[in-house]
Protein backbone atom coordinates (compact mmCIF):
# COMPACT_ATOMS: atom_id res chain seq x y z
CA MET A 1 -67.43 46.67 216.50
CA VAL A 2 -68.32 49.87 214.64
CA VAL A 3 -71.38 50.39 216.84
CA SER A 4 -69.29 49.93 219.99
CA MET A 5 -66.67 52.43 218.75
CA ARG A 6 -69.37 54.97 218.00
CA ALA A 7 -70.88 54.41 221.45
CA ALA A 8 -67.43 54.98 222.96
CA GLY A 9 -67.28 58.38 221.27
CA LEU A 10 -64.52 57.72 218.74
CA ALA A 11 -64.29 60.23 215.91
CA HIS A 12 -65.74 59.24 212.56
CA ASN A 13 -62.35 59.30 210.80
CA SER A 14 -60.73 57.22 213.56
CA ILE A 15 -63.39 54.54 213.10
CA ALA A 16 -62.82 54.66 209.33
CA THR A 17 -59.10 54.07 209.87
CA TYR A 18 -59.71 51.06 212.14
CA VAL A 19 -62.15 49.52 209.64
CA ARG A 20 -59.65 50.02 206.81
CA VAL A 21 -56.94 48.20 208.80
CA ILE A 22 -59.29 45.33 209.65
CA ASN A 23 -60.23 45.02 205.98
CA THR A 24 -56.57 44.55 205.14
CA PHE A 25 -56.53 41.56 207.50
CA LEU A 26 -59.81 40.21 206.04
CA HIS A 27 -58.41 40.43 202.50
CA TRP A 28 -55.43 38.36 203.65
CA CYS A 29 -57.83 35.81 205.16
CA HIS A 30 -59.64 35.61 201.81
CA ARG A 31 -56.39 35.00 199.91
CA GLU A 32 -55.44 32.24 202.35
CA GLY A 33 -58.85 30.59 202.00
CA LEU A 34 -59.71 31.17 205.66
CA SER A 35 -62.75 33.40 205.28
CA ASP A 36 -64.89 35.25 202.73
CA LEU A 37 -65.93 37.86 205.27
CA THR A 38 -65.60 41.51 204.21
CA ALA A 39 -66.52 44.78 205.85
CA PRO A 40 -67.69 47.88 203.96
CA ASN A 41 -65.22 50.73 204.15
CA ILE A 42 -66.34 53.88 205.91
CA ARG A 43 -65.57 57.00 203.91
CA GLU A 44 -63.58 59.58 205.83
CA LYS A 45 -65.06 63.05 206.26
CA GLU A 46 -63.21 66.17 205.18
CA THR A 47 -62.18 68.06 208.30
CA VAL A 48 -60.63 71.45 208.92
CA LYS A 49 -57.40 70.97 210.84
CA GLU A 50 -57.08 72.99 214.03
CA THR A 51 -54.02 75.22 214.14
CA TYR A 52 -52.26 77.56 216.53
CA THR A 53 -53.28 81.19 216.15
CA ASP A 54 -50.71 83.89 215.41
CA ALA A 55 -51.22 85.25 218.93
CA GLU A 56 -50.45 81.84 220.44
CA LEU A 57 -47.41 81.43 218.22
CA MET A 58 -46.01 84.79 219.29
CA ILE A 59 -46.21 83.64 222.90
CA LEU A 60 -44.64 80.23 222.21
CA LEU A 61 -41.86 81.59 219.99
CA LYS A 62 -40.73 84.25 222.45
CA LYS A 63 -37.23 83.44 223.66
CA PRO A 64 -37.13 82.41 227.34
CA ASP A 65 -35.20 84.21 230.03
CA ARG A 66 -31.47 83.44 230.31
CA LYS A 67 -32.09 81.97 233.75
CA CYS A 68 -34.27 79.17 232.34
CA ASP A 69 -33.14 75.55 232.61
CA PHE A 70 -31.93 73.43 229.70
CA CYS A 71 -35.27 71.69 229.17
CA GLU A 72 -37.23 74.92 228.73
CA TYR A 73 -34.58 76.27 226.38
CA ARG A 74 -34.61 73.02 224.38
CA ASN A 75 -38.43 73.11 224.16
CA TRP A 76 -38.28 76.67 222.82
CA VAL A 77 -35.79 75.56 220.16
CA ILE A 78 -38.04 72.58 219.26
CA VAL A 79 -41.10 74.82 218.81
CA ASN A 80 -39.09 77.12 216.56
CA PHE A 81 -37.84 74.11 214.61
CA LEU A 82 -41.37 72.80 214.12
CA MET A 83 -42.44 76.15 212.70
CA ASN A 84 -39.40 76.17 210.42
CA SER A 85 -39.93 72.69 209.02
CA GLY A 86 -43.37 71.30 209.92
CA CYS A 87 -41.83 67.87 210.51
CA ARG A 88 -43.32 65.03 212.55
CA ALA A 89 -42.58 64.41 216.24
CA ALA A 90 -40.80 61.12 215.46
CA THR A 91 -38.50 62.97 213.06
CA VAL A 92 -37.63 65.56 215.72
CA ARG A 93 -36.70 62.83 218.19
CA ASN A 94 -34.37 61.08 215.75
CA ILE A 95 -32.32 64.05 214.49
CA GLN A 96 -28.65 63.68 215.40
CA ASN A 97 -26.02 66.40 215.77
CA ARG A 98 -24.33 65.22 212.55
CA ASP A 99 -27.57 65.77 210.61
CA VAL A 100 -27.44 69.54 211.05
CA ASP A 101 -25.46 71.43 208.41
CA LEU A 102 -25.47 75.07 209.44
CA ASP A 103 -23.08 76.18 206.68
CA ASN A 104 -25.44 74.91 203.98
CA ARG A 105 -28.53 75.82 206.03
CA GLN A 106 -30.12 72.40 205.98
CA VAL A 107 -30.91 69.38 208.14
CA ILE A 108 -31.05 65.74 207.12
CA TYR A 109 -33.95 63.56 208.25
CA ARG A 110 -32.71 59.97 208.40
CA HIS A 111 -35.93 58.86 210.08
CA SER A 112 -39.15 59.55 208.20
CA LYS A 113 -42.58 57.97 207.87
CA ASN A 114 -41.96 56.79 204.31
CA GLY A 115 -38.48 55.48 205.13
CA LYS A 116 -36.71 57.88 202.75
CA VAL A 117 -33.88 60.22 203.68
CA GLN A 118 -35.03 63.83 203.35
CA VAL A 119 -33.14 67.12 203.32
CA SER A 120 -35.00 70.11 204.74
CA PRO A 121 -33.92 73.79 204.52
CA LEU A 122 -33.30 76.05 207.50
CA CYS A 123 -34.19 79.73 207.47
CA THR A 124 -31.61 82.29 208.65
CA GLN A 125 -33.29 82.69 212.04
CA MET A 126 -33.35 78.92 212.62
CA VAL A 127 -29.67 78.64 211.74
CA SER A 128 -28.87 81.26 214.37
CA ILE A 129 -31.05 79.54 216.99
CA LEU A 130 -29.50 76.13 216.33
CA ARG A 131 -25.97 77.52 216.38
CA ASP A 132 -26.49 78.91 219.88
CA TYR A 133 -28.33 75.78 221.04
CA MET A 134 -25.66 73.37 219.79
CA LYS A 135 -22.95 75.27 221.68
CA ILE A 136 -24.84 74.41 224.87
CA ARG A 137 -26.02 70.95 223.85
CA GLN A 138 -22.57 69.85 222.53
CA GLY A 139 -22.17 66.04 222.47
CA LYS A 140 -20.85 63.63 219.83
CA PRO A 141 -21.92 63.72 216.15
CA GLU A 142 -24.11 60.63 216.63
CA ASP A 143 -25.83 62.01 219.74
CA TYR A 144 -29.44 63.11 219.41
CA LEU A 145 -29.91 66.84 218.85
CA PHE A 146 -32.99 67.26 221.04
CA CYS A 147 -32.09 65.16 224.06
CA ASN A 148 -33.18 65.01 227.69
CA GLN A 149 -31.20 66.70 230.44
CA TYR A 150 -28.87 63.69 230.63
CA GLY A 151 -28.08 63.70 226.92
CA ASP A 152 -30.25 60.69 226.07
CA MET A 153 -32.83 60.39 223.30
CA LEU A 154 -36.26 61.76 224.17
CA THR A 155 -38.97 59.12 224.31
CA GLU A 156 -42.21 59.74 222.45
CA ASN A 157 -44.05 60.38 225.71
CA ALA A 158 -41.30 62.59 227.12
CA LEU A 159 -41.41 64.85 224.07
CA ARG A 160 -45.20 65.03 224.21
CA LEU A 161 -45.22 65.93 227.91
CA ALA A 162 -42.40 68.44 227.41
CA ILE A 163 -44.48 70.40 224.88
CA VAL A 164 -47.61 70.10 227.05
CA HIS A 165 -45.72 71.60 230.01
CA TYR A 166 -44.04 74.26 227.86
CA ASN A 167 -47.27 75.47 226.24
CA LYS A 168 -49.30 75.50 229.45
CA SER A 169 -46.53 77.30 231.34
CA ARG A 170 -46.94 80.10 228.82
CA GLY A 171 -50.71 80.15 229.06
CA VAL A 172 -51.43 78.34 225.78
CA GLN A 173 -54.03 75.60 226.28
CA LYS A 174 -53.44 73.86 222.95
CA THR A 175 -50.68 71.34 223.51
CA SER A 176 -50.58 69.05 220.48
CA LEU A 177 -47.26 68.56 218.73
CA HIS A 178 -49.00 67.66 215.49
CA LEU A 179 -50.84 70.99 215.49
CA PHE A 180 -47.52 72.65 214.66
CA ARG A 181 -47.45 70.58 211.45
CA HIS A 182 -50.94 71.74 210.50
CA THR A 183 -50.05 75.31 211.45
CA PHE A 184 -46.90 75.20 209.33
CA ALA A 185 -48.94 73.98 206.33
CA ARG A 186 -51.61 76.68 206.75
CA LYS A 187 -49.15 79.54 207.15
CA TYR A 188 -46.91 78.27 204.34
CA LEU A 189 -49.84 78.19 201.92
CA ILE A 190 -51.77 81.30 202.97
CA ASP A 191 -49.33 83.70 204.61
CA CYS A 192 -46.14 82.76 202.78
CA GLY A 193 -47.55 82.11 199.30
CA GLY A 194 -46.28 78.53 199.05
CA ASN A 195 -47.71 75.88 196.73
CA ALA A 196 -48.72 72.23 197.03
CA PHE A 197 -45.65 70.90 195.22
CA SER A 198 -43.09 72.53 197.51
CA LEU A 199 -45.24 71.75 200.56
CA GLN A 200 -45.20 68.08 199.58
CA ARG A 201 -41.40 68.05 199.65
CA LEU A 202 -41.14 70.00 202.89
CA LEU A 203 -43.61 67.76 204.74
CA GLY A 204 -42.18 64.56 203.26
CA HIS A 205 -45.43 63.34 201.70
CA SER A 206 -45.07 60.42 199.28
CA THR A 207 -47.82 61.80 197.05
CA LEU A 208 -49.56 65.13 196.45
CA ALA A 209 -52.80 63.86 198.01
CA MET A 210 -52.24 65.23 201.53
CA SER A 211 -50.71 68.47 200.27
CA LYS A 212 -53.77 69.00 198.04
CA HIS A 213 -55.91 68.25 201.09
CA TYR A 214 -54.24 71.13 202.94
CA CYS A 215 -54.81 73.38 199.92
CA ASN A 216 -58.48 72.44 199.81
CA ILE A 217 -59.27 72.96 203.48
CA TYR A 218 -57.41 76.26 203.72
CA ASP A 219 -58.49 77.55 200.26
CA ALA A 220 -55.03 79.04 199.90
CA ASP A 221 -55.42 80.47 196.40
CA ILE A 222 -58.88 81.90 197.10
CA ALA A 223 -57.80 83.59 200.35
CA LYS A 224 -54.97 85.61 198.80
CA ASP A 225 -55.77 89.25 198.02
CA TYR A 226 -59.46 88.58 198.55
CA ASP A 227 -60.18 92.25 199.22
CA ALA A 228 -59.65 92.80 195.52
CA PHE A 229 -62.33 90.25 194.60
CA SER A 230 -64.86 90.24 197.44
CA PRO A 231 -68.24 91.72 196.38
CA LEU A 232 -68.68 93.12 199.91
CA ALA A 233 -65.28 94.83 199.84
CA GLN A 234 -66.02 96.18 196.36
CA MET A 235 -69.37 97.62 197.42
CA ASN A 236 -67.76 99.44 200.34
CA GLN A 237 -64.95 101.08 198.41
CA PRO A 238 -65.16 104.88 198.43
CA LYS A 239 -66.26 106.35 195.12
CA ASP A 240 -64.82 109.49 193.64
CA ARG A 241 -67.23 112.39 193.24
CA ILE A 242 -67.46 114.27 190.00
CA ARG A 243 -65.96 117.70 190.52
CA LYS A 244 -66.00 120.86 188.41
């Protein structure tokens, strides 16, 4: 099975995930007395997560023309929301109008990967964007915030295709929704001076493991103010001449 997956071109970490799932089934078989078969786990490789560049983000975050249709406007709001919160696509799809509290500048996630209700903050700019968007979206409190043009919940595929179309229409070839999550993590740690503990809460991780993973791959602490510590930068600093 592993050989066939490698031949099919699956990524190393994808194969490791499949083997781990199969091992869970094999352990159950062992407990039930059905089989003693086991498979060695494949250790995942550390990878650097691809992110959107600042230039690409500037293009995607630019407000569309007033003549745009509802779907394009909604997609723009979604992209802004992803860069405000770094949440998962499934969370975006399940947010309801009642979950948004503009007065207290926060949004409630009733649907999350770990099954826990989470409260996420909204920056001033996001509050303003959502206030304008909700005047157009309207609907009942239990209606989904980011809906299709008929007011219904976006399907997983519909949301994916909406972002693909939105990004490509603006000349950005990267189209992954999950890249916004990685981008949020990188910018929060490096550009905004955030730490692993607060990132864990914002991204809704059950443990610090994934947040530490982001810290490791982006070397957040090392990257800050590196001009003050880089030997190359130090060697190229102008030196004062001795004057009479």
